[in-house]
Amino acid sequence: MNHELSHHDAEPQPFWRSRYAIGLVVMGAIAAYFLLSEHRAHFLGALPLLLLSCPLMHVFMHHGHGGHGSHGHHHGGEPTPTPPATALTPPTGDRP
């Protein structure tokens, strides 16, 4: 008796270990190399803007909810008043 495993019995291979993923990574690396080598002046000119955008976005995006982990508090430490819960009932009018 020969108990060889067929391809149907084998566990499926994850995408990043497949031939297509390796080709995708290689083609992406080649494209990135040529893009950076041909457009280095444009990339280096925009680099300070990209690096400054991270902290600026962090400051301005966290302004609305009070910082990390304190979703119900202002920066001063006082809790924000919670609006009262309202029932979604239609307005009563002249209809019976």
C-alpha atoms as a PDB file:
ATOM      1  CA  MET A   1       0.000   0.000   0.000  1.00  0.00           C
ATOM      2  CA  ASN A   2       1.225   3.425  -0.905  1.00  0.00           C
ATOM      3  CA  HIS A   3       0.000   6.251   1.376  1.00  0.00           C
ATOM      4  CA  GLU A   4       1.223   9.324  -0.489  1.00  0.00           C
ATOM      5  CA  LEU A   5      -0.538  12.608   0.117  1.00  0.00           C
ATOM      6  CA  SER A   6      -2.165  14.181  -2.883  1.00  0.00           C
ATOM      7  CA  HIS A   7      -2.422  17.922  -3.474  1.00  0.00           C
ATOM      8  CA  HIS A   8      -6.065  17.823  -2.389  1.00  0.00           C
ATOM      9  CA  ASP A   9      -5.184  16.589   1.118  1.00  0.00           C
ATOM     10  CA  ALA A  10      -2.512  19.233   1.733  1.00  0.00           C
ATOM     11  CA  GLU A  11      -3.308  22.326   3.798  1.00  0.00           C
ATOM     12  CA  PRO A  12      -3.716  25.463   1.645  1.00  0.00           C
ATOM     13  CA  GLN A  13      -0.652  27.668   1.512  1.00  0.00           C
ATOM     14  CA  PRO A  14      -1.039  31.253   2.829  1.00  0.00           C
ATOM     15  CA  PHE A  15      -1.088  33.971   0.175  1.00  0.00           C
ATOM     16  CA  TRP A  16       2.203  35.621   1.197  1.00  0.00           C
ATOM     17  CA  ARG A  17       4.056  32.335   0.703  1.00  0.00           C
ATOM     18  CA  SER A  18       2.631  31.787  -2.778  1.00  0.00           C
ATOM     19  CA  ARG A  19       4.400  32.352  -6.058  1.00  0.00           C
ATOM     20  CA  TYR A  20       2.100  35.274  -6.900  1.00  0.00           C
ATOM     21  CA  ALA A  21       2.832  37.153  -3.693  1.00  0.00           C
ATOM     22  CA  ILE A  22       6.582  36.799  -4.147  1.00  0.00           C
ATOM     23  CA  GLY A  23       6.234  38.129  -7.694  1.00  0.00           C
ATOM     24  CA  LEU A  24       4.082  40.988  -6.444  1.00  0.00           C
ATOM     25  CA  VAL A  25       6.686  41.954  -3.837  1.00  0.00           C
ATOM     26  CA  VAL A  26       9.535  41.766  -6.374  1.00  0.00           C
ATOM     27  CA  MET A  27       7.638  43.869  -8.934  1.00  0.00           C
ATOM     28  CA  GLY A  28       6.734  46.389  -6.213  1.00  0.00           C
ATOM     29  CA  ALA A  29      10.371  46.660  -5.142  1.00  0.00           C
ATOM     30  CA  ILE A  30      11.481  47.228  -8.747  1.00  0.00           C
ATOM     31  CA  ALA A  31       8.770  49.861  -9.262  1.00  0.00           C
ATOM     32  CA  ALA A  32       9.706  51.611  -6.002  1.00  0.00           C
ATOM     33  CA  TYR A  33      13.388  51.635  -6.970  1.00  0.00           C
ATOM     34  CA  PHE A  34      12.762  53.229 -10.366  1.00  0.00           C
ATOM     35  CA  LEU A  35      10.181  55.632  -8.962  1.00  0.00           C
ATOM     36  CA  LEU A  36      12.563  56.876  -6.272  1.00  0.00           C
ATOM     37  CA  SER A  37      15.624  56.950  -8.530  1.00  0.00           C
ATOM     38  CA  GLU A  38      13.881  58.926 -11.269  1.00  0.00           C
ATOM     39  CA  HIS A  39      11.859  61.228  -9.010  1.00  0.00           C
ATOM     40  CA  ARG A  40      14.262  61.690  -6.096  1.00  0.00           C
ATOM     41  CA  ALA A  41      14.031  65.497  -6.181  1.00  0.00           C
ATOM     42  CA  HIS A  42      10.239  65.435  -5.953  1.00  0.00           C
ATOM     43  CA  PHE A  43      10.263  62.836  -3.176  1.00  0.00           C
ATOM     44  CA  LEU A  44      12.899  64.619  -1.098  1.00  0.00           C
ATOM     45  CA  GLY A  45      11.082  67.925  -1.590  1.00  0.00           C
ATOM     46  CA  ALA A  46       7.868  66.448  -0.179  1.00  0.00           C
ATOM     47  CA  LEU A  47       9.568  64.504   2.620  1.00  0.00           C
ATOM     48  CA  PRO A  48       9.508  67.339   5.220  1.00  0.00           C
ATOM     49  CA  LEU A  49       5.803  67.850   4.549  1.00  0.00           C
ATOM     50  CA  LEU A  50       5.149  64.133   4.994  1.00  0.00           C
ATOM     51  CA  LEU A  51       7.148  63.997   8.220  1.00  0.00           C
ATOM     52  CA  LEU A  52       5.443  67.074   9.658  1.00  0.00           C
ATOM     53  CA  SER A  53       1.987  65.869   8.734  1.00  0.00           C
ATOM     54  CA  CYS A  54       2.145  62.955  11.211  1.00  0.00           C
ATOM     55  CA  PRO A  55       2.467  64.992  14.433  1.00  0.00           C
ATOM     56  CA  LEU A  56       0.175  67.724  13.128  1.00  0.00           C
ATOM     57  CA  MET A  57      -2.549  65.238  12.267  1.00  0.00           C
ATOM     58  CA  HIS A  58      -2.109  63.627  15.688  1.00  0.00           C
ATOM     59  CA  VAL A  59      -2.585  66.967  17.446  1.00  0.00           C
ATOM     60  CA  PHE A  60      -5.532  68.121  15.366  1.00  0.00           C
ATOM     61  CA  MET A  61      -7.298  64.780  15.064  1.00  0.00           C
ATOM     62  CA  HIS A  62      -7.245  64.147  18.843  1.00  0.00           C
ATOM     63  CA  HIS A  63      -8.505  67.624  19.631  1.00  0.00           C
ATOM     64  CA  GLY A  64     -12.163  66.623  19.393  1.00  0.00           C
ATOM     65  CA  HIS A  65     -12.307  63.766  21.883  1.00  0.00           C
ATOM     66  CA  GLY A  66      -9.818  64.704  24.552  1.00  0.00           C
ATOM     67  CA  GLY A  67      -6.764  62.584  23.893  1.00  0.00           C
ATOM     68  CA  HIS A  68      -5.855  58.944  24.376  1.00  0.00           C
ATOM     69  CA  GLY A  69      -8.052  56.711  26.474  1.00  0.00           C
ATOM     70  CA  SER A  70     -10.232  59.418  28.019  1.00  0.00           C
ATOM     71  CA  HIS A  71     -13.131  59.502  25.625  1.00  0.00           C
ATOM     72  CA  GLY A  72     -15.521  61.043  28.164  1.00  0.00           C
ATOM     73  CA  HIS A  73     -13.273  63.779  29.572  1.00  0.00           C
ATOM     74  CA  HIS A  74     -11.959  67.162  28.511  1.00  0.00           C
ATOM     75  CA  HIS A  75      -8.272  68.035  28.708  1.00  0.00           C
ATOM     76  CA  GLY A  76      -8.905  69.613  32.122  1.00  0.00           C
ATOM     77  CA  GLY A  77      -9.987  66.307  33.620  1.00  0.00           C
ATOM     78  CA  GLU A  78     -13.632  67.239  34.215  1.00  0.00           C
ATOM     79  CA  PRO A  79     -16.170  64.828  32.752  1.00  0.00           C
ATOM     80  CA  THR A  80     -18.210  66.053  29.834  1.00  0.00           C
ATOM     81  CA  PRO A  81     -21.924  66.323  30.413  1.00  0.00           C
ATOM     82  CA  THR A  82     -23.782  63.606  28.602  1.00  0.00           C
ATOM     83  CA  PRO A  83     -26.803  64.754  26.617  1.00  0.00           C
ATOM     84  CA  PRO A  84     -30.062  63.249  27.853  1.00  0.00           C
ATOM     85  CA  ALA A  85     -31.369  60.302  25.920  1.00  0.00           C
ATOM     86  CA  THR A  86     -34.356  61.233  23.828  1.00  0.00           C
ATOM     87  CA  ALA A  87     -36.897  58.799  22.552  1.00  0.00           C
ATOM     88  CA  LEU A  88     -37.395  58.824  18.818  1.00  0.00           C
ATOM     89  CA  THR A  89     -41.127  59.385  18.761  1.00  0.00           C
ATOM     90  CA  PRO A  90     -42.928  61.126  15.943  1.00  0.00           C
ATOM     91  CA  PRO A  91     -44.305  64.561  16.773  1.00  0.00           C
ATOM     92  CA  THR A  92     -47.927  64.587  17.829  1.00  0.00           C
ATOM     93  CA  GLY A  93     -50.100  66.809  15.750  1.00  0.00           C
ATOM     94  CA  ASP A  94     -53.717  67.084  14.771  1.00  0.00           C
ATOM     95  CA  ARG A  95     -53.856  63.450  13.714  1.00  0.00           C
ATOM     96  CA  PRO A  96     -55.642  60.975  16.007  1.00  0.00           C
END
